Full PDB file with SEQRES, HELIX, SHEET, SSBOND, CRYST1, ORIGX, SCALE, CONECT and MASTER records, all heavy atoms in Angstrom:
SEQRES   1 A   42  VAL ALA THR LEU LEU GLY ARG GLY ASN ASP ALA THR GLU          
SEQRES   2 A   42  ARG ILE THR LEU GLU ARG LEU ASP ARG THR ALA ALA GLU          
SEQRES   3 A   42  LEU GLU PRO ALA ALA ALA ASP ALA SER ALA TRP ALA SER          
SEQRES   4 A   42  ARG PHE SER                                                  
HELIX    1 AA1 ALA A    2  GLY A    6  1                                   5    
HELIX    2 AA2 ASP A   10  ALA A   24  1                                  15    
HELIX    3 AA3 PRO A   29  ALA A   31  5                                   3    
HELIX    4 AA4 ALA A   34  PHE A   41  1                                   8    
CRYST1    1.000    1.000    1.000  90.00  90.00  90.00 P 1           1          
ORIGX1      1.000000  0.000000  0.000000        0.00000                         
ORIGX2      0.000000  1.000000  0.000000        0.00000                         
ORIGX3      0.000000  0.000000  1.000000        0.00000                         
SCALE1      1.000000  0.000000  0.000000        0.00000                         
SCALE2      0.000000  1.000000  0.000000        0.00000                         
SCALE3      0.000000  0.000000  1.000000        0.00000                         
ATOM      1  N   VAL A   1     125.247 200.016  78.334  1.00  0.00           N  
ATOM      2  CA  VAL A   1     124.107 199.828  79.284  1.00  0.00           C  
ATOM      3  C   VAL A   1     123.807 198.407  79.365  1.00  0.00           C  
ATOM      4  O   VAL A   1     123.563 197.703  80.436  1.00  0.00           O  
ATOM      5  CB  VAL A   1     122.888 200.663  78.887  1.00  0.00           C  
ATOM      6  CG1 VAL A   1     121.752 200.151  79.514  1.00  0.00           C  
ATOM      7  CG2 VAL A   1     123.207 202.157  79.028  1.00  0.00           C  
ATOM      8  N   ALA A   2     123.718 197.657  78.226  1.00  0.00           N  
ATOM      9  CA  ALA A   2     123.505 196.221  78.158  1.00  0.00           C  
ATOM     10  C   ALA A   2     124.533 195.421  78.957  1.00  0.00           C  
ATOM     11  O   ALA A   2     124.123 194.528  79.634  1.00  0.00           O  
ATOM     12  CB  ALA A   2     123.456 195.714  76.753  1.00  0.00           C  
ATOM     13  N   THR A   3     125.826 195.786  78.826  1.00  0.00           N  
ATOM     14  CA  THR A   3     126.808 195.063  79.603  1.00  0.00           C  
ATOM     15  C   THR A   3     126.547 195.344  81.066  1.00  0.00           C  
ATOM     16  O   THR A   3     126.702 194.485  81.924  1.00  0.00           O  
ATOM     17  CB  THR A   3     128.237 195.612  79.114  1.00  0.00           C  
ATOM     18  OG1 THR A   3     128.271 195.302  77.848  1.00  0.00           O  
ATOM     19  CG2 THR A   3     129.291 194.927  80.041  1.00  0.00           C  
ATOM     20  N   LEU A   4     126.308 196.628  81.502  1.00  0.00           N  
ATOM     21  CA  LEU A   4     126.086 196.892  82.918  1.00  0.00           C  
ATOM     22  C   LEU A   4     124.916 196.120  83.451  1.00  0.00           C  
ATOM     23  O   LEU A   4     125.033 195.465  84.606  1.00  0.00           O  
ATOM     24  CB  LEU A   4     125.842 198.485  83.002  1.00  0.00           C  
ATOM     25  CG  LEU A   4     125.813 199.083  84.280  1.00  0.00           C  
ATOM     26  CD1 LEU A   4     126.254 200.527  84.323  1.00  0.00           C  
ATOM     27  CD2 LEU A   4     124.480 199.002  84.921  1.00  0.00           C  
ATOM     28  N   LEU A   5     123.811 196.192  82.777  1.00  0.00           N  
ATOM     29  CA  LEU A   5     122.515 195.555  83.181  1.00  0.00           C  
ATOM     30  C   LEU A   5     122.538 194.037  83.192  1.00  0.00           C  
ATOM     31  O   LEU A   5     121.993 193.413  83.924  1.00  0.00           O  
ATOM     32  CB  LEU A   5     121.253 196.111  82.618  1.00  0.00           C  
ATOM     33  CG  LEU A   5     120.940 197.549  82.948  1.00  0.00           C  
ATOM     34  CD1 LEU A   5     119.677 198.052  82.166  1.00  0.00           C  
ATOM     35  CD2 LEU A   5     120.708 197.711  84.529  1.00  0.00           C  
ATOM     36  N   GLY A   6     123.266 193.580  82.129  1.00  0.00           N  
ATOM     37  CA  GLY A   6     123.425 192.118  81.905  1.00  0.00           C  
ATOM     38  C   GLY A   6     124.332 191.417  82.912  1.00  0.00           C  
ATOM     39  O   GLY A   6     124.071 190.306  83.242  1.00  0.00           O  
ATOM     40  N   ARG A   7     125.214 192.177  83.446  1.00  0.00           N  
ATOM     41  CA  ARG A   7     126.210 191.598  84.527  1.00  0.00           C  
ATOM     42  C   ARG A   7     126.676 190.212  84.200  1.00  0.00           C  
ATOM     43  O   ARG A   7     126.689 189.253  84.937  1.00  0.00           O  
ATOM     44  CB  ARG A   7     125.434 191.577  85.778  1.00  0.00           C  
ATOM     45  CG  ARG A   7     125.203 193.055  86.184  1.00  0.00           C  
ATOM     46  CD  ARG A   7     124.719 193.284  87.649  1.00  0.00           C  
ATOM     47  NE  ARG A   7     124.334 192.234  88.471  1.00  0.00           N  
ATOM     48  CZ  ARG A   7     123.069 192.220  88.958  1.00  0.00           C  
ATOM     49  NH1 ARG A   7     122.337 193.273  88.943  1.00  0.00           N  
ATOM     50  NH2 ARG A   7     122.725 191.179  89.677  1.00  0.00           N  
ATOM     51  N   GLY A   8     127.105 189.986  82.873  1.00  0.00           N  
ATOM     52  CA  GLY A   8     127.658 188.648  82.505  1.00  0.00           C  
ATOM     53  C   GLY A   8     126.668 187.718  81.978  1.00  0.00           C  
ATOM     54  O   GLY A   8     127.004 186.610  81.667  1.00  0.00           O  
ATOM     55  N   ASN A   9     125.409 187.972  81.911  1.00  0.00           N  
ATOM     56  CA  ASN A   9     124.279 187.103  81.563  1.00  0.00           C  
ATOM     57  C   ASN A   9     123.912 187.525  80.009  1.00  0.00           C  
ATOM     58  O   ASN A   9     123.298 188.607  79.819  1.00  0.00           O  
ATOM     59  CB  ASN A   9     123.088 187.229  82.414  1.00  0.00           C  
ATOM     60  CG  ASN A   9     122.076 186.228  81.995  1.00  0.00           C  
ATOM     61  OD1 ASN A   9     121.678 186.007  80.834  1.00  0.00           O  
ATOM     62  ND2 ASN A   9     121.428 185.544  82.930  1.00  0.00           N  
ATOM     63  N   ASP A  10     124.287 186.658  79.105  1.00  0.00           N  
ATOM     64  CA  ASP A  10     124.075 186.939  77.688  1.00  0.00           C  
ATOM     65  C   ASP A  10     122.633 187.095  77.321  1.00  0.00           C  
ATOM     66  O   ASP A  10     122.317 188.016  76.539  1.00  0.00           O  
ATOM     67  CB  ASP A  10     124.671 185.890  76.814  1.00  0.00           C  
ATOM     68  CG  ASP A  10     126.246 185.734  76.800  1.00  0.00           C  
ATOM     69  OD1 ASP A  10     126.833 186.863  77.114  1.00  0.00           O  
ATOM     70  OD2 ASP A  10     126.781 184.751  76.463  1.00  0.00           O  
ATOM     71  N   ALA A  11     121.779 186.406  77.953  1.00  0.00           N  
ATOM     72  CA  ALA A  11     120.388 186.502  77.704  1.00  0.00           C  
ATOM     73  C   ALA A  11     119.839 187.814  78.108  1.00  0.00           C  
ATOM     74  O   ALA A  11     119.046 188.554  77.386  1.00  0.00           O  
ATOM     75  CB  ALA A  11     119.595 185.352  78.308  1.00  0.00           C  
ATOM     76  N   THR A  12     120.175 188.242  79.289  1.00  0.00           N  
ATOM     77  CA  THR A  12     119.868 189.565  79.827  1.00  0.00           C  
ATOM     78  C   THR A  12     120.387 190.649  78.995  1.00  0.00           C  
ATOM     79  O   THR A  12     119.655 191.686  78.688  1.00  0.00           O  
ATOM     80  CB  THR A  12     120.361 189.682  81.309  1.00  0.00           C  
ATOM     81  OG1 THR A  12     119.836 188.572  82.051  1.00  0.00           O  
ATOM     82  CG2 THR A  12     119.929 191.028  81.969  1.00  0.00           C  
ATOM     83  N   GLU A  13     121.616 190.493  78.484  1.00  0.00           N  
ATOM     84  CA  GLU A  13     122.211 191.611  77.655  1.00  0.00           C  
ATOM     85  C   GLU A  13     121.404 191.741  76.336  1.00  0.00           C  
ATOM     86  O   GLU A  13     121.263 192.860  75.840  1.00  0.00           O  
ATOM     87  CB  GLU A  13     123.621 191.315  77.383  1.00  0.00           C  
ATOM     88  CG  GLU A  13     124.656 191.618  78.560  1.00  0.00           C  
ATOM     89  CD  GLU A  13     126.036 191.560  78.157  1.00  0.00           C  
ATOM     90  OE1 GLU A  13     126.382 191.734  76.921  1.00  0.00           O  
ATOM     91  OE2 GLU A  13     126.880 191.120  78.930  1.00  0.00           O  
ATOM     92  N   ARG A  14     120.930 190.655  75.780  1.00  0.00           N  
ATOM     93  CA  ARG A  14     120.344 190.535  74.543  1.00  0.00           C  
ATOM     94  C   ARG A  14     118.916 191.291  74.774  1.00  0.00           C  
ATOM     95  O   ARG A  14     118.364 192.073  73.908  1.00  0.00           O  
ATOM     96  CB  ARG A  14     120.115 189.129  74.012  1.00  0.00           C  
ATOM     97  CG  ARG A  14     119.716 189.045  72.571  1.00  0.00           C  
ATOM     98  CD  ARG A  14     119.891 187.600  72.120  1.00  0.00           C  
ATOM     99  NE  ARG A  14     119.547 186.569  73.025  1.00  0.00           N  
ATOM    100  CZ  ARG A  14     120.314 185.728  73.664  1.00  0.00           C  
ATOM    101  NH1 ARG A  14     121.620 185.911  73.505  1.00  0.00           N  
ATOM    102  NH2 ARG A  14     120.005 184.761  74.401  1.00  0.00           N  
ATOM    103  N   ILE A  15     118.112 190.858  75.846  1.00  0.00           N  
ATOM    104  CA  ILE A  15     116.948 191.479  76.133  1.00  0.00           C  
ATOM    105  C   ILE A  15     117.007 193.060  76.421  1.00  0.00           C  
ATOM    106  O   ILE A  15     116.226 193.737  75.891  1.00  0.00           O  
ATOM    107  CB  ILE A  15     116.391 190.832  77.443  1.00  0.00           C  
ATOM    108  CG1 ILE A  15     115.847 189.324  77.115  1.00  0.00           C  
ATOM    109  CG2 ILE A  15     115.098 191.664  77.962  1.00  0.00           C  
ATOM    110  CD1 ILE A  15     115.539 188.477  78.294  1.00  0.00           C  
ATOM    111  N   THR A  16     118.082 193.430  77.111  1.00  0.00           N  
ATOM    112  CA  THR A  16     118.323 194.817  77.374  1.00  0.00           C  
ATOM    113  C   THR A  16     118.520 195.491  75.999  1.00  0.00           C  
ATOM    114  O   THR A  16     118.048 196.693  75.758  1.00  0.00           O  
ATOM    115  CB  THR A  16     119.505 194.959  78.266  1.00  0.00           C  
ATOM    116  OG1 THR A  16     119.228 194.352  79.461  1.00  0.00           O  
ATOM    117  CG2 THR A  16     119.729 196.530  78.516  1.00  0.00           C  
ATOM    118  N   LEU A  17     119.342 195.019  75.115  1.00  0.00           N  
ATOM    119  CA  LEU A  17     119.556 195.545  73.768  1.00  0.00           C  
ATOM    120  C   LEU A  17     118.334 195.714  73.047  1.00  0.00           C  
ATOM    121  O   LEU A  17     118.008 196.838  72.427  1.00  0.00           O  
ATOM    122  CB  LEU A  17     120.558 194.779  72.986  1.00  0.00           C  
ATOM    123  CG  LEU A  17     122.052 194.864  73.472  1.00  0.00           C  
ATOM    124  CD1 LEU A  17     122.955 193.921  72.739  1.00  0.00           C  
ATOM    125  CD2 LEU A  17     122.573 196.254  73.252  1.00  0.00           C  
ATOM    126  N   GLU A  18     117.376 194.829  73.124  1.00  0.00           N  
ATOM    127  CA  GLU A  18     116.048 194.907  72.383  1.00  0.00           C  
ATOM    128  C   GLU A  18     115.350 196.003  73.028  1.00  0.00           C  
ATOM    129  O   GLU A  18     114.727 196.716  72.276  1.00  0.00           O  
ATOM    130  CB  GLU A  18     115.306 193.500  72.458  1.00  0.00           C  
ATOM    131  CG  GLU A  18     115.930 192.430  71.643  1.00  0.00           C  
ATOM    132  CD  GLU A  18     115.364 191.037  71.924  1.00  0.00           C  
ATOM    133  OE1 GLU A  18     114.392 190.921  72.827  1.00  0.00           O  
ATOM    134  OE2 GLU A  18     115.885 190.055  71.354  1.00  0.00           O  
ATOM    135  N   ARG A  19     115.289 196.132  74.308  1.00  0.00           N  
ATOM    136  CA  ARG A  19     114.457 197.098  75.059  1.00  0.00           C  
ATOM    137  C   ARG A  19     115.029 198.586  74.629  1.00  0.00           C  
ATOM    138  O   ARG A  19     114.351 199.465  74.485  1.00  0.00           O  
ATOM    139  CB  ARG A  19     114.482 196.953  76.539  1.00  0.00           C  
ATOM    140  CG  ARG A  19     113.783 195.786  77.104  1.00  0.00           C  
ATOM    141  CD  ARG A  19     113.849 195.531  78.563  1.00  0.00           C  
ATOM    142  NE  ARG A  19     112.891 194.586  78.946  1.00  0.00           N  
ATOM    143  CZ  ARG A  19     113.075 193.987  80.198  1.00  0.00           C  
ATOM    144  NH1 ARG A  19     114.119 194.174  80.884  1.00  0.00           N  
ATOM    145  NH2 ARG A  19     112.194 193.068  80.547  1.00  0.00           N  
ATOM    146  N   LEU A  20     116.442 198.559  74.588  1.00  0.00           N  
ATOM    147  CA  LEU A  20     117.035 199.914  74.251  1.00  0.00           C  
ATOM    148  C   LEU A  20     116.655 200.257  72.904  1.00  0.00           C  
ATOM    149  O   LEU A  20     116.367 201.500  72.578  1.00  0.00           O  
ATOM    150  CB  LEU A  20     118.546 199.794  74.481  1.00  0.00           C  
ATOM    151  CG  LEU A  20     118.972 199.910  75.843  1.00  0.00           C  
ATOM    152  CD1 LEU A  20     120.407 199.360  75.915  1.00  0.00           C  
ATOM    153  CD2 LEU A  20     118.881 201.187  76.473  1.00  0.00           C  
ATOM    154  N   ASP A  21     116.578 199.361  71.925  1.00  0.00           N  
ATOM    155  CA  ASP A  21     116.328 199.509  70.552  1.00  0.00           C  
ATOM    156  C   ASP A  21     114.787 200.032  70.492  1.00  0.00           C  
ATOM    157  O   ASP A  21     114.549 200.946  69.647  1.00  0.00           O  
ATOM    158  CB  ASP A  21     116.507 198.377  69.714  1.00  0.00           C  
ATOM    159  CG  ASP A  21     117.935 198.097  69.407  1.00  0.00           C  
ATOM    160  OD1 ASP A  21     118.795 198.982  69.709  1.00  0.00           O  
ATOM    161  OD2 ASP A  21     118.342 196.896  69.219  1.00  0.00           O  
ATOM    162  N   ARG A  22     114.022 199.454  71.263  1.00  0.00           N  
ATOM    163  CA  ARG A  22     112.579 199.859  71.285  1.00  0.00           C  
ATOM    164  C   ARG A  22     112.479 201.284  71.738  1.00  0.00           C  
ATOM    165  O   ARG A  22     111.666 202.156  71.180  1.00  0.00           O  
ATOM    166  CB  ARG A  22     111.729 198.992  72.165  1.00  0.00           C  
ATOM    167  CG  ARG A  22     111.336 197.756  71.355  1.00  0.00           C  
ATOM    168  CD  ARG A  22     110.149 196.981  72.157  1.00  0.00           C  
ATOM    169  NE  ARG A  22     110.356 196.592  73.489  1.00  0.00           N  
ATOM    170  CZ  ARG A  22     110.945 195.548  73.863  1.00  0.00           C  
ATOM    171  NH1 ARG A  22     111.385 194.589  72.990  1.00  0.00           N  
ATOM    172  NH2 ARG A  22     111.096 195.238  75.164  1.00  0.00           N  
ATOM    173  N   THR A  23     113.252 201.673  72.781  1.00  0.00           N  
ATOM    174  CA  THR A  23     113.327 203.097  73.213  1.00  0.00           C  
ATOM    175  C   THR A  23     113.714 203.972  72.172  1.00  0.00           C  
ATOM    176  O   THR A  23     113.137 205.110  71.958  1.00  0.00           O  
ATOM    177  CB  THR A  23     114.140 203.133  74.586  1.00  0.00           C  
ATOM    178  OG1 THR A  23     113.573 202.267  75.599  1.00  0.00           O  
ATOM    179  CG2 THR A  23     114.313 204.493  75.039  1.00  0.00           C  
ATOM    180  N   ALA A  24     114.798 203.684  71.518  1.00  0.00           N  
ATOM    181  CA  ALA A  24     115.355 204.425  70.486  1.00  0.00           C  
ATOM    182  C   ALA A  24     114.358 204.617  69.264  1.00  0.00           C  
ATOM    183  O   ALA A  24     114.451 205.659  68.597  1.00  0.00           O  
ATOM    184  CB  ALA A  24     116.676 204.022  70.039  1.00  0.00           C  
ATOM    185  N   ALA A  25     113.507 203.687  69.046  1.00  0.00           N  
ATOM    186  CA  ALA A  25     112.583 203.756  67.954  1.00  0.00           C  
ATOM    187  C   ALA A  25     111.295 204.587  68.144  1.00  0.00           C  
ATOM    188  O   ALA A  25     110.641 204.898  67.324  1.00  0.00           O  
ATOM    189  CB  ALA A  25     112.109 202.334  67.613  1.00  0.00           C  
ATOM    190  N   GLU A  26     111.290 205.100  69.505  1.00  0.00           N  
ATOM    191  CA  GLU A  26     110.159 206.105  69.789  1.00  0.00           C  
ATOM    192  C   GLU A  26     110.260 207.203  68.765  1.00  0.00           C  
ATOM    193  O   GLU A  26     111.325 207.672  68.565  1.00  0.00           O  
ATOM    194  CB  GLU A  26     110.205 206.509  71.193  1.00  0.00           C  
ATOM    195  CG  GLU A  26     110.003 205.481  72.201  1.00  0.00           C  
ATOM    196  CD  GLU A  26     108.494 205.206  72.377  1.00  0.00           C  
ATOM    197  OE1 GLU A  26     107.665 205.979  72.146  1.00  0.00           O  
ATOM    198  OE2 GLU A  26     108.211 203.970  72.849  1.00  0.00           O  
ATOM    199  N   LEU A  27     109.152 207.640  68.238  1.00  0.00           N  
ATOM    200  CA  LEU A  27     109.163 208.855  67.309  1.00  0.00           C  
ATOM    201  C   LEU A  27     109.779 210.149  68.044  1.00  0.00           C  
ATOM    202  O   LEU A  27     110.418 210.795  67.473  1.00  0.00           O  
ATOM    203  CB  LEU A  27     107.706 209.129  66.841  1.00  0.00           C  
ATOM    204  CG  LEU A  27     107.216 208.090  66.069  1.00  0.00           C  
ATOM    205  CD1 LEU A  27     105.715 208.428  65.546  1.00  0.00           C  
ATOM    206  CD2 LEU A  27     107.981 207.869  64.733  1.00  0.00           C  
ATOM    207  N   GLU A  28     109.338 210.302  69.291  1.00  0.00           N  
ATOM    208  CA  GLU A  28     109.992 211.445  70.039  1.00  0.00           C  
ATOM    209  C   GLU A  28     110.716 210.880  71.328  1.00  0.00           C  
ATOM    210  O   GLU A  28     110.047 210.402  72.161  1.00  0.00           O  
ATOM    211  CB  GLU A  28     108.842 212.316  70.455  1.00  0.00           C  
ATOM    212  CG  GLU A  28     108.177 213.036  69.406  1.00  0.00           C  
ATOM    213  CD  GLU A  28     107.032 213.971  69.971  1.00  0.00           C  
ATOM    214  OE1 GLU A  28     107.202 214.572  71.035  1.00  0.00           O  
ATOM    215  OE2 GLU A  28     106.110 214.320  69.236  1.00  0.00           O  
ATOM    216  N   PRO A  29     111.985 210.984  71.285  1.00  0.00           N  
ATOM    217  CA  PRO A  29     112.782 210.476  72.382  1.00  0.00           C  
ATOM    218  C   PRO A  29     112.310 210.968  73.733  1.00  0.00           C  
ATOM    219  O   PRO A  29     112.236 210.184  74.632  1.00  0.00           O  
ATOM    220  CB  PRO A  29     114.168 210.963  72.040  1.00  0.00           C  
ATOM    221  CG  PRO A  29     114.251 211.138  70.633  1.00  0.00           C  
ATOM    222  CD  PRO A  29     112.839 211.527  70.223  1.00  0.00           C  
ATOM    223  N   ALA A  30     111.784 212.166  73.913  1.00  0.00           N  
ATOM    224  CA  ALA A  30     111.331 212.716  75.090  1.00  0.00           C  
ATOM    225  C   ALA A  30     110.106 211.951  75.642  1.00  0.00           C  
ATOM    226  O   ALA A  30     109.784 211.950  76.871  1.00  0.00           O  
ATOM    227  CB  ALA A  30     111.010 214.146  74.980  1.00  0.00           C  
ATOM    228  N   ALA A  31     109.393 211.250  74.672  1.00  0.00           N  
ATOM    229  CA  ALA A  31     108.128 210.491  75.076  1.00  0.00           C  
ATOM    230  C   ALA A  31     108.483 209.115  75.618  1.00  0.00           C  
ATOM    231  O   ALA A  31     107.663 208.482  76.212  1.00  0.00           O  
ATOM    232  CB  ALA A  31     107.171 210.340  73.751  1.00  0.00           C  
ATOM    233  N   ALA A  32     109.739 208.678  75.364  1.00  0.00           N  
ATOM    234  CA  ALA A  32     110.293 207.402  75.881  1.00  0.00           C  
ATOM    235  C   ALA A  32     110.091 207.533  77.392  1.00  0.00           C  
ATOM    236  O   ALA A  32     110.322 208.445  78.155  1.00  0.00           O  
ATOM    237  CB  ALA A  32     111.575 207.035  75.341  1.00  0.00           C  
ATOM    238  N   ASP A  33     109.972 206.348  78.132  1.00  0.00           N  
ATOM    239  CA  ASP A  33     109.767 206.210  79.492  1.00  0.00           C  
ATOM    240  C   ASP A  33     111.107 206.088  80.141  1.00  0.00           C  
ATOM    241  O   ASP A  33     111.644 205.039  80.435  1.00  0.00           O  
ATOM    242  CB  ASP A  33     108.805 204.985  79.832  1.00  0.00           C  
ATOM    243  CG  ASP A  33     108.284 204.978  81.185  1.00  0.00           C  
ATOM    244  OD1 ASP A  33     108.686 205.983  82.014  1.00  0.00           O  
ATOM    245  OD2 ASP A  33     107.594 204.117  81.564  1.00  0.00           O  
ATOM    246  N   ALA A  34     111.497 207.292  80.630  1.00  0.00           N  
ATOM    247  CA  ALA A  34     112.831 207.217  81.405  1.00  0.00           C  
ATOM    248  C   ALA A  34     112.589 206.512  82.760  1.00  0.00           C  
ATOM    249  O   ALA A  34     113.581 205.874  83.257  1.00  0.00           O  
ATOM    250  CB  ALA A  34     113.333 208.657  81.673  1.00  0.00           C  
ATOM    251  N   SER A  35     111.503 206.596  83.338  1.00  0.00           N  
ATOM    252  CA  SER A  35     111.243 205.904  84.669  1.00  0.00           C  
ATOM    253  C   SER A  35     111.347 204.357  84.526  1.00  0.00           C  
ATOM    254  O   SER A  35     111.812 203.681  85.548  1.00  0.00           O  
ATOM    255  CB  SER A  35     109.864 206.259  85.146  1.00  0.00           C  
ATOM    256  OG  SER A  35     108.867 205.801  84.431  1.00  0.00           O  
ATOM    257  N   ALA A  36     111.072 203.767  83.368  1.00  0.00           N  
ATOM    258  CA  ALA A  36     111.290 202.330  83.253  1.00  0.00           C  
ATOM    259  C   ALA A  36     112.687 201.971  83.276  1.00  0.00           C  
ATOM    260  O   ALA A  36     113.048 200.969  83.945  1.00  0.00           O  
ATOM    261  CB  ALA A  36     110.719 201.865  81.937  1.00  0.00           C  
ATOM    262  N   TRP A  37     113.539 202.810  82.695  1.00  0.00           N  
ATOM    263  CA  TRP A  37     114.925 202.506  82.646  1.00  0.00           C  
ATOM    264  C   TRP A  37     115.591 202.907  84.093  1.00  0.00           C  
ATOM    265  O   TRP A  37     116.417 202.190  84.530  1.00  0.00           O  
ATOM    266  CB  TRP A  37     115.714 203.301  81.493  1.00  0.00           C  
ATOM    267  CG  TRP A  37     115.432 202.694  80.219  1.00  0.00           C  
ATOM    268  CD1 TRP A  37     114.591 203.058  79.319  1.00  0.00           C  
ATOM    269  CD2 TRP A  37     116.061 201.486  79.900  1.00  0.00           C  
ATOM    270  NE1 TRP A  37     114.595 202.246  78.288  1.00  0.00           N  
ATOM    271  CE2 TRP A  37     115.504 201.165  78.599  1.00  0.00           C  
ATOM    272  CE3 TRP A  37     116.952 200.560  80.332  1.00  0.00           C  
ATOM    273  CZ2 TRP A  37     115.811 200.108  77.897  1.00  0.00           C  
ATOM    274  CZ3 TRP A  37     117.244 199.451  79.546  1.00  0.00           C  
ATOM    275  CH2 TRP A  37     116.707 199.176  78.401  1.00  0.00           C  
ATOM    276  N   ALA A  38     115.021 203.901  84.726  1.00  0.00           N  
ATOM    277  CA  ALA A  38     115.390 204.143  86.169  1.00  0.00           C  
ATOM    278  C   ALA A  38     115.093 202.852  87.020  1.00  0.00           C  
ATOM    279  O   ALA A  38     115.970 202.508  87.877  1.00  0.00           O  
ATOM    280  CB  ALA A  38     114.754 205.270  86.694  1.00  0.00           C  
ATOM    281  N   SER A  39     114.024 202.289  86.798  1.00  0.00           N  
ATOM    282  CA  SER A  39     113.673 201.130  87.565  1.00  0.00           C  
ATOM    283  C   SER A  39     114.619 199.949  87.257  1.00  0.00           C  
ATOM    284  O   SER A  39     114.938 199.226  88.197  1.00  0.00           O  
ATOM    285  CB  SER A  39     112.202 200.539  87.246  1.00  0.00           C  
ATOM    286  OG  SER A  39     111.280 201.524  87.747  1.00  0.00           O  
ATOM    287  N   ARG A  40     114.971 199.845  85.984  1.00  0.00           N  
ATOM    288  CA  ARG A  40     115.872 198.626  85.683  1.00  0.00           C  
ATOM    289  C   ARG A  40     117.225 198.879  86.394  1.00  0.00           C  
ATOM    290  O   ARG A  40     117.953 198.090  86.852  1.00  0.00           O  
ATOM    291  CB  ARG A  40     116.033 198.628  84.134  1.00  0.00           C  
ATOM    292  CG  ARG A  40     114.788 198.009  83.448  1.00  0.00           C  
ATOM    293  CD  ARG A  40     115.000 197.821  82.020  1.00  0.00           C  
ATOM    294  NE  ARG A  40     113.755 197.381  81.536  1.00  0.00           N  
ATOM    295  CZ  ARG A  40     112.902 197.990  80.807  1.00  0.00           C  
ATOM    296  NH1 ARG A  40     113.078 199.283  80.479  1.00  0.00           N  
ATOM    297  NH2 ARG A  40     111.778 197.491  80.329  1.00  0.00           N  
ATOM    298  N   PHE A  41     117.833 200.244  86.328  1.00  0.00           N  
ATOM    299  CA  PHE A  41     118.996 200.505  87.014  1.00  0.00           C  
ATOM    300  C   PHE A  41     118.930 200.295  88.470  1.00  0.00           C  
ATOM    301  O   PHE A  41     119.644 199.714  89.124  1.00  0.00           O  
ATOM    302  CB  PHE A  41     119.442 201.942  86.685  1.00  0.00           C  
ATOM    303  CG  PHE A  41     119.971 202.143  85.265  1.00  0.00           C  
ATOM    304  CD1 PHE A  41     119.330 202.997  84.465  1.00  0.00           C  
ATOM    305  CD2 PHE A  41     120.974 201.446  84.643  1.00  0.00           C  
ATOM    306  CE1 PHE A  41     119.716 203.277  83.150  1.00  0.00           C  
ATOM    307  CE2 PHE A  41     121.399 201.498  83.486  1.00  0.00           C  
ATOM    308  CZ  PHE A  41     120.767 202.486  82.544  1.00  0.00           C  
ATOM    309  N   SER A  42     117.772 200.681  89.174  1.00  0.00           N  
ATOM    310  CA  SER A  42     117.508 200.473  90.523  1.00  0.00           C  
ATOM    311  C   SER A  42     117.544 199.043  90.816  1.00  0.00           C  
ATOM    312  O   SER A  42     118.141 198.603  91.900  1.00  0.00           O  
ATOM    313  CB  SER A  42     116.214 201.058  90.930  1.00  0.00           C  
ATOM    314  OG  SER A  42     116.288 202.484  90.934  1.00  0.00           O  
TER     315      SER A  42                                                      
MASTER        0    0    0    4    0    0    0    6  314    1    0    4          
END                                                                             
């Protein structure tokens, strides 16, 4: 996902990895905001 969204930009990949890690750290994965990731993909 980081590679896809980073599209060759190392800083964007690093930020994406940090955001993904925050998502994974949610106590309940279902409570994480899928719509935020949908917006990033869009």
